Protein backbone atom coordinates (compact mmCIF):
# COMPACT_ATOMS: atom_id res chain seq x y z
CA UNK A 1 -153.66 -37.82 22.61
CA UNK A 2 -156.76 -35.95 21.44
CA UNK A 3 -157.61 -38.72 19.02
CA UNK A 4 -157.37 -41.29 21.80
CA UNK A 5 -159.74 -39.23 23.97
CA UNK A 6 -162.23 -38.88 21.11
CA UNK A 7 -162.15 -42.62 20.47
CA UNK A 8 -162.75 -43.32 24.13
CA UNK A 9 -165.75 -40.97 24.19
CA UNK A 10 -167.16 -42.63 21.07
CA UNK A 11 -166.86 -46.08 22.62
CA UNK A 12 -168.56 -44.93 25.85
CA UNK A 13 -171.46 -43.35 23.94
CA UNK A 14 -171.92 -46.46 21.81
CA UNK A 15 -171.91 -48.77 24.81
CA UNK A 16 -174.48 -46.62 26.57
CA UNK A 17 -176.81 -46.29 23.57
CA UNK A 18 -176.67 -49.82 22.25
CA UNK A 19 -178.05 -52.85 24.08
CA UNK A 20 -175.82 -55.47 25.57
CA UNK A 21 -175.40 -58.58 23.46
CA UNK A 22 -177.25 -60.61 26.10
CA UNK A 23 -180.49 -58.67 25.43
CA UNK A 24 -183.22 -60.50 23.58
CA UNK A 25 -183.54 -59.45 19.93
CA UNK A 26 -186.51 -57.24 19.11
CA UNK A 27 -189.55 -59.20 17.92
CA UNK A 28 -191.69 -57.21 15.47
CA UNK A 29 -194.74 -59.39 16.13
CA UNK A 30 -194.54 -58.64 19.85
CA UNK A 31 -194.14 -54.93 19.15
CA UNK A 32 -197.25 -54.95 16.96
CA UNK A 33 -199.20 -56.82 19.63
CA UNK A 34 -198.07 -54.32 22.26
CA UNK A 35 -199.14 -51.39 20.08
CA UNK A 36 -202.52 -52.98 19.42
CA UNK A 37 -203.08 -53.48 23.15
CA UNK A 38 -201.65 -50.28 24.59
CA UNK A 39 -201.47 -47.53 21.96
CA UNK A 40 -203.36 -44.63 23.56
CA UNK A 41 -204.75 -43.33 20.26
CA UNK A 42 -206.33 -46.70 19.45
CA UNK A 43 -207.72 -46.94 22.97
CA UNK A 44 -209.21 -43.44 22.72
CA UNK A 45 -210.96 -44.24 19.42
CA UNK A 46 -212.32 -47.47 20.88
CA UNK A 47 -213.80 -45.58 23.83
CA UNK A 48 -215.43 -43.10 21.45
CA UNK A 49 -216.93 -46.02 19.53
CA UNK A 50 -218.34 -47.52 22.74
CA UNK A 51 -219.83 -44.13 23.60
CA UNK A 52 -221.48 -43.80 20.17
CA UNK A 53 -223.05 -47.26 20.49
CA UNK A 54 -225.34 -45.78 23.14
CA UNK A 55 -226.60 -42.96 20.91
CA UNK A 56 -229.15 -44.64 18.53
CA UNK A 57 -231.55 -45.65 21.29
CA UNK A 58 -231.40 -42.11 22.66
CA UNK A 59 -232.09 -40.60 19.23
CA UNK A 60 -235.06 -42.89 18.57
CA UNK A 61 -236.63 -42.55 22.02
CA UNK A 62 -239.67 -40.26 22.24
CA UNK A 63 -239.30 -36.97 24.13
CA UNK A 64 -239.77 -37.21 27.86
CA UNK A 65 -243.34 -36.36 28.93
CA UNK A 66 -244.12 -33.49 31.24
CA UNK A 67 -246.10 -34.38 34.36
CA UNK A 68 -247.33 -31.64 36.68
CA UNK A 69 -249.61 -31.06 39.65
CA UNK A 70 -251.31 -27.77 40.47
CA UNK A 71 -253.83 -26.42 42.97
CA UNK A 72 -256.36 -23.62 42.44
CA UNK A 73 -257.95 -21.87 45.41
CA UNK A 74 -260.57 -19.10 45.28
CA UNK A 75 -259.59 -17.37 48.53
CA UNK A 76 -256.48 -16.13 50.27
CA UNK A 77 -257.90 -16.67 53.76
CA UNK A 78 -259.24 -20.22 53.67
CA UNK A 79 -259.18 -23.41 51.65
CA UNK A 80 -262.08 -23.56 49.23
CA UNK A 81 -261.55 -27.03 47.73
CA UNK A 82 -264.92 -28.78 47.70
CA UNK A 83 -266.89 -25.62 48.47
CA UNK A 84 -266.08 -23.45 45.43
CA UNK A 85 -266.68 -24.50 41.82
CA UNK A 86 -263.32 -23.25 40.54
CA UNK A 87 -261.13 -24.71 43.32
CA UNK A 88 -259.39 -27.89 42.25
CA UNK A 89 -256.31 -30.09 42.61
CA UNK A 90 -255.16 -30.94 39.07
CA UNK A 91 -252.79 -33.60 37.78
CA UNK A 92 -251.61 -33.03 34.17
CA UNK A 93 -249.67 -35.02 31.56
CA UNK A 94 -248.17 -33.54 28.38
CA UNK A 95 -246.45 -35.65 25.69
CA UNK A 96 -244.68 -34.25 22.63
CA UNK A 97 -244.83 -36.34 19.43
CA UNK A 98 -242.15 -35.65 16.79
CA UNK A 99 -243.48 -35.73 13.24
CA UNK A 100 -243.58 -39.35 11.97
CA UNK A 101 -240.19 -40.45 10.63
CA UNK A 102 -238.03 -37.97 12.53
CA UNK A 103 -236.97 -40.38 15.26
CA UNK A 104 -236.12 -43.12 12.75
CA UNK A 105 -233.96 -40.71 10.73
CA UNK A 106 -232.20 -39.52 13.88
CA UNK A 107 -231.45 -43.16 14.73
CA UNK A 108 -230.13 -43.78 11.22
CA UNK A 109 -227.73 -40.84 11.56
CA UNK A 110 -226.49 -42.22 14.90
CA UNK A 111 -225.97 -45.71 13.46
CA UNK A 112 -223.95 -44.37 10.54
CA UNK A 113 -221.93 -42.37 13.08
CA UNK A 114 -221.00 -45.70 14.68
CA UNK A 115 -219.88 -46.96 11.27
CA UNK A 116 -217.74 -43.85 10.80
CA UNK A 117 -216.12 -44.39 14.20
CA UNK A 118 -215.48 -48.09 13.50
CA UNK A 119 -213.76 -47.28 10.21
CA UNK A 120 -211.76 -44.56 11.95
CA UNK A 121 -210.46 -47.15 14.42
CA UNK A 122 -209.34 -49.37 11.55
CA UNK A 123 -207.60 -46.39 9.95
CA UNK A 124 -205.72 -45.70 13.17
CA UNK A 125 -204.83 -49.37 13.66
CA UNK A 126 -203.33 -49.67 10.19
CA UNK A 127 -201.46 -46.40 10.61
CA UNK A 128 -200.06 -47.52 13.97
CA UNK A 129 -199.05 -50.88 12.46
CA UNK A 130 -197.27 -49.07 9.62
CA UNK A 131 -195.53 -46.76 12.08
CA UNK A 132 -194.33 -49.65 14.26
CA UNK A 133 -193.05 -51.54 11.21
CA UNK A 134 -191.36 -48.43 9.86
CA UNK A 135 -189.68 -47.63 13.18
CA UNK A 136 -188.57 -51.25 13.52
CA UNK A 137 -187.04 -51.06 10.03
CA UNK A 138 -185.27 -47.85 10.98
CA UNK A 139 -183.93 -49.54 14.10
CA UNK A 140 -182.69 -52.41 11.94
CA UNK A 141 -180.96 -49.95 9.61
CA UNK A 142 -179.23 -48.26 12.53
CA UNK A 143 -178.10 -51.56 14.06
CA UNK A 144 -176.81 -52.87 10.73
CA UNK A 145 -175.02 -49.58 10.06
CA UNK A 146 -173.41 -49.80 13.47
CA UNK A 147 -172.23 -53.35 12.75
CA UNK A 148 -170.81 -52.26 9.38
CA UNK A 149 -169.00 -49.31 10.96
CA UNK A 150 -167.53 -51.47 13.71
CA UNK A 151 -166.27 -54.06 11.22
CA UNK A 152 -164.90 -51.28 9.03
CA UNK A 153 -163.16 -49.77 12.03
CA UNK A 154 -161.40 -53.06 12.69
CA UNK A 155 -160.29 -53.23 9.06
CA UNK A 156 -159.17 -49.61 9.14
CA UNK A 157 -157.22 -50.25 12.32
CA UNK A 158 -155.33 -53.01 10.52
CA UNK A 159 -154.61 -50.53 7.71
CA UNK A 160 -153.27 -48.07 10.26
CA UNK A 161 -150.98 -50.71 11.73
CA UNK A 162 -149.72 -51.57 8.24
CA UNK A 163 -149.03 -47.93 7.38
CA UNK A 164 -147.29 -47.39 10.73
CA UNK A 165 -145.12 -50.46 10.17
CA UNK A 166 -144.13 -49.26 6.69
CA UNK A 167 -143.42 -45.78 8.01
CA UNK A 168 -141.23 -47.13 10.82
CA UNK A 169 -139.23 -49.19 8.32
CA UNK A 170 -138.83 -46.20 6.04
CA UNK A 171 -141.02 -47.59 3.25
CA UNK A 172 -144.01 -45.35 3.95
CA UNK A 173 -144.82 -41.75 4.78
CA UNK A 174 -146.25 -40.16 7.91
CA UNK A 175 -149.17 -38.75 5.89
CA UNK A 176 -150.58 -42.25 5.41
CA UNK A 177 -150.50 -42.94 9.15
CA UNK A 178 -152.24 -39.64 9.88
CA UNK A 179 -154.87 -40.27 7.19
CA UNK A 180 -155.66 -43.67 8.69
CA UNK A 181 -155.94 -42.21 12.20
CA UNK A 182 -158.19 -39.41 10.93
CA UNK A 183 -160.45 -41.91 9.21
CA UNK A 184 -160.76 -43.96 12.40
CA UNK A 185 -161.74 -40.82 14.31
CA UNK A 186 -164.38 -40.08 11.69
CA UNK A 187 -165.83 -43.55 12.15
CA UNK A 188 -165.95 -42.98 15.91
CA UNK A 189 -167.85 -39.74 15.31
CA UNK A 190 -170.33 -41.55 13.04
CA UNK A 191 -170.80 -44.23 15.69
CA UNK A 192 -171.55 -41.56 18.30
CA UNK A 193 -174.11 -39.92 16.00
CA UNK A 194 -175.60 -43.32 15.26
CA UNK A 195 -175.98 -43.98 18.98
CA UNK A 196 -178.04 -40.81 19.41
CA UNK A 197 -180.17 -41.72 16.39
CA UNK A 198 -180.87 -45.11 17.94
CA UNK A 199 -181.99 -43.57 21.23
CA UNK A 200 -184.43 -41.39 19.30
CA UNK A 201 -185.72 -44.36 17.31
CA UNK A 202 -186.20 -46.45 20.45
CA UNK A 203 -188.10 -43.60 22.14
CA UNK A 204 -190.37 -43.20 19.11
CA UNK A 205 -191.02 -46.95 18.91
CA UNK A 206 -191.80 -47.19 22.61
CA UNK A 207 -194.18 -44.23 22.34
CA UNK A 208 -196.26 -45.74 19.55
CA UNK A 209 -196.37 -49.04 21.50
CA UNK A 210 -197.71 -47.20 24.55
CA UNK A 211 -194.65 -47.95 26.67
CA UNK A 212 -192.22 -45.86 28.67
CA UNK A 213 -189.73 -44.14 26.38
CA UNK A 214 -186.77 -45.52 28.34
CA UNK A 215 -187.86 -49.16 27.87
CA UNK A 216 -184.81 -51.03 26.68
CA UNK A 217 -184.89 -52.67 23.26
CA UNK A 218 -182.43 -55.33 22.18
CA UNK A 219 -180.84 -55.61 18.74
CA UNK A 220 -182.88 -55.99 15.57
CA UNK A 221 -181.59 -59.02 13.72
CA UNK A 222 -183.69 -59.29 10.55
CA UNK A 223 -186.17 -57.44 8.39
CA UNK A 224 -189.60 -59.04 7.97
CA UNK A 225 -190.34 -60.79 4.67
CA UNK A 226 -192.45 -58.93 2.13
CA UNK A 227 -194.59 -59.72 -0.86
CA UNK A 228 -195.18 -57.78 -4.05
CA UNK A 229 -198.51 -56.75 -5.54
CA UNK A 230 -198.72 -54.91 -8.85
CA UNK A 231 -199.55 -51.22 -8.87
CA UNK A 232 -202.99 -51.48 -10.50
CA UNK A 233 -204.11 -54.05 -7.94
CA UNK A 234 -202.88 -51.86 -5.11
CA UNK A 235 -204.75 -48.88 -6.55
CA UNK A 236 -207.98 -50.89 -6.67
CA UNK A 237 -207.38 -52.12 -3.14
CA UNK A 238 -206.91 -48.55 -1.98
CA UNK A 239 -210.11 -47.35 -3.67
CA UNK A 240 -212.26 -50.19 -2.33
CA UNK A 241 -210.61 -51.25 0.95
CA UNK A 242 -208.86 -48.21 2.38
CA UNK A 243 -210.37 -47.62 5.84
CA UNK A 244 -209.77 -43.90 5.37
CA UNK A 245 -211.88 -43.82 2.20
CA UNK A 246 -214.49 -46.09 3.76
CA UNK A 247 -214.71 -43.62 6.63
CA UNK A 248 -215.30 -40.75 4.23
CA UNK A 249 -217.88 -42.78 2.30
CA UNK A 250 -219.74 -43.40 5.56
CA UNK A 251 -219.50 -39.67 6.29
CA UNK A 252 -221.20 -38.94 2.95
CA UNK A 253 -224.03 -41.35 3.82
CA UNK A 254 -224.33 -39.78 7.25
CA UNK A 255 -224.66 -36.32 5.72
CA UNK A 256 -227.31 -37.63 3.30
CA UNK A 257 -229.40 -38.86 6.22
CA UNK A 258 -228.88 -35.54 7.98
CA UNK A 259 -230.31 -33.80 4.91
CA UNK A 260 -233.33 -36.14 5.07
CA UNK A 261 -233.73 -35.33 8.74
CA UNK A 262 -233.45 -31.59 8.09
CA UNK A 263 -236.18 -31.88 5.44
CA UNK A 264 -238.36 -33.78 7.86
CA UNK A 265 -237.78 -31.05 10.45
CA UNK A 266 -239.74 -28.72 8.19
CA UNK A 267 -242.81 -30.62 9.35
CA UNK A 268 -244.46 -29.56 12.63
CA UNK A 269 -244.21 -31.66 15.76
CA UNK A 270 -247.38 -32.68 17.56
CA UNK A 271 -248.31 -33.00 21.21
CA UNK A 272 -251.15 -34.27 23.31
CA UNK A 273 -252.09 -33.82 26.93
CA UNK A 274 -254.62 -34.80 29.58
CA UNK A 275 -255.46 -33.58 33.06
CA UNK A 276 -257.65 -34.62 35.96
CA UNK A 277 -258.99 -32.00 38.37
CA UNK A 278 -260.24 -33.09 41.79
CA UNK A 279 -262.72 -30.57 43.26
CA UNK A 280 -263.21 -32.07 46.65
CA UNK A 281 -266.83 -33.03 47.21
CA UNK A 282 -267.83 -31.61 43.84
CA UNK A 283 -267.76 -33.56 40.60
CA UNK A 284 -264.20 -33.90 39.16
CA UNK A 285 -263.18 -32.38 35.82
CA UNK A 286 -261.24 -34.10 33.00
CA UNK A 287 -259.42 -32.24 30.21
CA UNK A 288 -257.91 -33.51 26.97
CA UNK A 289 -255.57 -31.54 24.68
CA UNK A 290 -254.02 -31.86 21.24
CA UNK A 291 -251.49 -29.32 19.91
CA UNK A 292 -249.14 -28.53 17.03
CA UNK A 293 -245.75 -26.85 17.32
CA UNK A 294 -246.09 -24.20 14.64
CA UNK A 295 -242.89 -23.54 12.62
CA UNK A 296 -243.54 -19.80 12.47
CA UNK A 297 -239.82 -19.05 12.10
CA UNK A 298 -239.11 -21.80 9.59
CA UNK A 299 -237.43 -19.39 7.18
CA UNK A 300 -234.81 -18.47 9.78
CA UNK A 301 -234.48 -21.86 11.50
CA UNK A 302 -235.51 -25.07 9.76
CA UNK A 303 -234.91 -23.82 6.21
CA UNK A 304 -231.47 -22.50 7.13
CA UNK A 305 -230.64 -25.80 8.85
CA UNK A 306 -231.63 -27.66 5.68
CA UNK A 307 -229.37 -25.48 3.53
CA UNK A 308 -226.54 -25.97 6.03
CA UNK A 309 -226.80 -29.75 5.85
CA UNK A 310 -226.89 -29.66 2.05
CA UNK A 311 -223.65 -27.68 1.94
CA UNK A 312 -222.12 -30.07 4.46
CA UNK A 313 -223.22 -33.02 2.31
CA UNK A 314 -221.52 -31.53 -0.74
CA UNK A 315 -218.39 -30.79 1.30
CA UNK A 316 -218.29 -34.42 2.49
CA UNK A 317 -218.62 -35.61 -1.13
CA UNK A 318 -215.80 -33.34 -2.24
CA UNK A 319 -213.65 -34.48 0.69
CA UNK A 320 -214.12 -38.06 -0.47
CA UNK A 321 -213.32 -37.18 -4.08
CA UNK A 322 -210.23 -35.23 -3.07
CA UNK A 323 -208.96 -37.98 -0.81
CA UNK A 324 -209.44 -40.61 -3.51
CA UNK A 325 -207.15 -38.60 -5.77
CA UNK A 326 -204.67 -38.15 -2.92
CA UNK A 327 -204.68 -41.83 -2.00
CA UNK A 328 -204.01 -42.88 -5.59
CA UNK A 329 -201.12 -40.40 -5.78
CA UNK A 330 -199.68 -41.71 -2.50
CA UNK A 331 -200.02 -45.32 -3.63
CA UNK A 332 -198.17 -44.59 -6.87
CA UNK A 333 -195.43 -42.72 -5.04
CA UNK A 334 -194.97 -45.50 -2.49
CA UNK A 335 -194.95 -48.18 -5.19
CA UNK A 336 -192.26 -46.21 -7.01
CA UNK A 337 -190.24 -45.94 -3.79
CA UNK A 338 -190.58 -49.66 -3.09
CA UNK A 339 -189.65 -50.63 -6.66
CA UNK A 340 -186.67 -48.29 -6.64
CA UNK A 341 -185.49 -49.69 -3.32
CA UNK A 342 -185.88 -53.25 -4.62
CA UNK A 343 -183.92 -52.46 -7.80
CA UNK A 344 -181.14 -50.72 -5.90
CA UNK A 345 -180.97 -53.53 -3.36
CA UNK A 346 -180.53 -56.07 -6.15
CA UNK A 347 -177.88 -53.94 -7.87
CA UNK A 348 -175.91 -53.45 -4.68
CA UNK A 349 -176.19 -57.10 -3.60
CA UNK A 350 -175.41 -58.74 -6.93
CA UNK A 351 -173.18 -56.17 -8.58
CA UNK A 352 -171.77 -53.20 -6.71
CA UNK A 353 -170.80 -54.79 -3.38
CA UNK A 354 -169.08 -57.93 -4.75
CA UNK A 355 -167.12 -55.79 -7.20
CA UNK A 356 -166.10 -53.28 -4.55
CA UNK A 357 -165.04 -56.02 -2.13
CA UNK A 358 -162.86 -57.47 -4.88
CA UNK A 359 -161.52 -53.98 -5.61
CA UNK A 360 -160.67 -53.50 -1.92
CA UNK A 361 -158.86 -56.84 -1.79
CA UNK A 362 -156.91 -55.90 -4.91
CA UNK A 363 -156.08 -52.42 -3.57
CA UNK A 364 -154.92 -53.90 -0.25
CA UNK A 365 -152.67 -56.38 -2.05
CA UNK A 366 -151.28 -53.64 -4.31
CA UNK A 367 -150.61 -51.41 -1.31
CA UNK A 368 -148.81 -54.25 0.45
CA UNK A 369 -146.58 -54.65 -2.60
CA UNK A 370 -146.12 -50.85 -2.82
CA UNK A 371 -147.83 -50.66 -6.21
CA UNK A 372 -150.46 -48.05 -5.13
CA UNK A 373 -150.54 -45.22 -2.63
CA UNK A 374 -152.46 -45.47 0.63
CA UNK A 375 -154.88 -42.77 -0.54
CA UNK A 376 -156.05 -45.14 -3.29
CA UNK A 377 -156.71 -47.89 -0.76
CA UNK A 378 -158.55 -45.41 1.46
CA UNK A 379 -160.79 -44.24 -1.40
CA UNK A 380 -161.82 -47.82 -2.21
CA UNK A 381 -162.43 -48.47 1.49
CA UNK A 382 -164.69 -45.42 1.80
CA UNK A 383 -166.63 -46.31 -1.32
CA UNK A 384 -167.29 -49.85 -0.05
CA UNK A 385 -168.30 -48.57 3.38
CA UNK A 386 -170.78 -46.05 1.96
CA UNK A 387 -172.31 -48.59 -0.41
CA UNK A 388 -172.69 -51.25 2.29
CA UNK A 389 -174.59 -48.71 4.41
CA UNK A 390 -176.66 -47.63 1.41
CA UNK A 391 -177.56 -51.26 0.71
CA UNK A 392 -179.01 -51.69 4.20
CA UNK A 393 -180.73 -48.31 3.90
CA UNK A 394 -182.51 -49.39 0.72
CA UNK A 395 -183.60 -52.66 2.30
CA UNK A 396 -185.17 -50.76 5.18
CA UNK A 397 -186.66 -48.21 2.76
CA UNK A 398 -188.44 -50.96 0.86
CA UNK A 399 -190.07 -52.33 4.02
CA UNK A 400 -191.07 -48.83 5.11
CA UNK A 401 -192.69 -48.08 1.75
CA UNK A 402 -194.64 -51.36 1.83
CA UNK A 403 -195.72 -50.70 5.43
CA UNK A 404 -197.08 -47.31 4.36
CA UNK A 405 -198.90 -49.01 1.47
CA UNK A 406 -200.55 -51.36 3.97
CA UNK A 407 -202.12 -48.38 5.73
CA UNK A 408 -203.60 -47.16 2.44
CA UNK A 409 -204.72 -50.47 0.94
CA UNK A 410 -205.47 -52.72 3.96
CA UNK A 411 -203.33 -55.37 2.20
CA UNK A 412 -200.73 -57.50 3.98
CA UNK A 413 -197.45 -56.68 2.26
CA UNK A 414 -195.12 -57.00 5.26
CA UNK A 415 -195.45 -60.49 6.70
CA UNK A 416 -195.02 -60.77 10.46
CA UNK A 417 -195.02 -63.83 12.69
CA UNK A 418 -197.45 -66.53 11.54
CA UNK A 419 -199.26 -64.36 9.01
CA UNK A 420 -199.87 -66.31 5.79
CA UNK A 421 -197.88 -65.33 2.74
CA UNK A 422 -200.27 -64.70 -0.14
CA UNK A 423 -199.30 -65.42 -3.70
CA UNK A 424 -197.02 -62.81 -5.17
CA UNK A 425 -198.33 -60.81 -8.08
CA UNK A 426 -195.78 -59.41 -10.52
CA UNK A 427 -195.23 -55.78 -11.40
CA UNK A 428 -197.26 -54.24 -14.18
């Protein structure tokens, strides 16, 4: 009775977690398009880029002038404009002039900042694409595992009926019936766990696509095709095309221009001014002025700022060097994962699975003729089930590794929709 209840619960959970067969299959190309259009992280980086595009003109513009008007009166009791020599109504203009080259350098820093932001967007886009592809592959693995478990459950149910029939005729033992029932219950438990895993995967995929987490997703039918590129080529791609490294390279250039600007800030800024004083009926007065902003505290201000930017420049260079080493290590690790998954997939497809299916057929025939015990048939069944699931896991693992390589190398290794398939390059 308890086993029947557990089976019923497992079926209910599976029906609730998995889409109805009438649902449209998941289209990876549509998911990628949705993520490109609605992923909030991409949108945020794009808005930051648009904001930075307005900075260079601000940095290169001269300082705003100071215009003022003042009145001088020689008495507190009456107006003396026009009757006293020192009474006047004065209009003044003061303009600060940064030392030549400062504004251009400030504009250069702002323009490189735009380049940094643009490369950062590309980094995020590739990472989001890799995440969508990886989550799609995980969803495929879960759906294929579910299908394998359901087919295995049907086969196991037929084994249970056979053991029950033999037991009822006195040719079998009750232990075999109970073992078969226990194994079916275990499959129901795995299906229930799988259903929860699928809900989590769907929520994660919807989140990266910028959609509501409860958006329904149909079954995943196939994995996208892939292409191979040898490890050395991928390493060179990563070093020269990785948006992350290009971002850091732009950061190094930005810091170099900041050092130039800090050196230029050691030079004094200039200013000029003019004023016109109206004295009523008396002759007007005109004043001209030229000034220099003296860097009297240069040791504590401008010199310290220069040293700061030099340290920041060296830190940016070291960040780039460190990340290059890290990227190469990640590329090699991912290539090893992809190659391992490909090798295992081939071994399972061409060797292990056909042999185990034949072994299961032979064990079933031997059990029918009472030549082997049911436990032997059950062991072969379990081995085939685990290896079928592992085969699908390795297929998904290969796509996930290649998707992660795309984010590092900016190469198209997972082909989606109408994307052209480039020539395959063999392993080194």
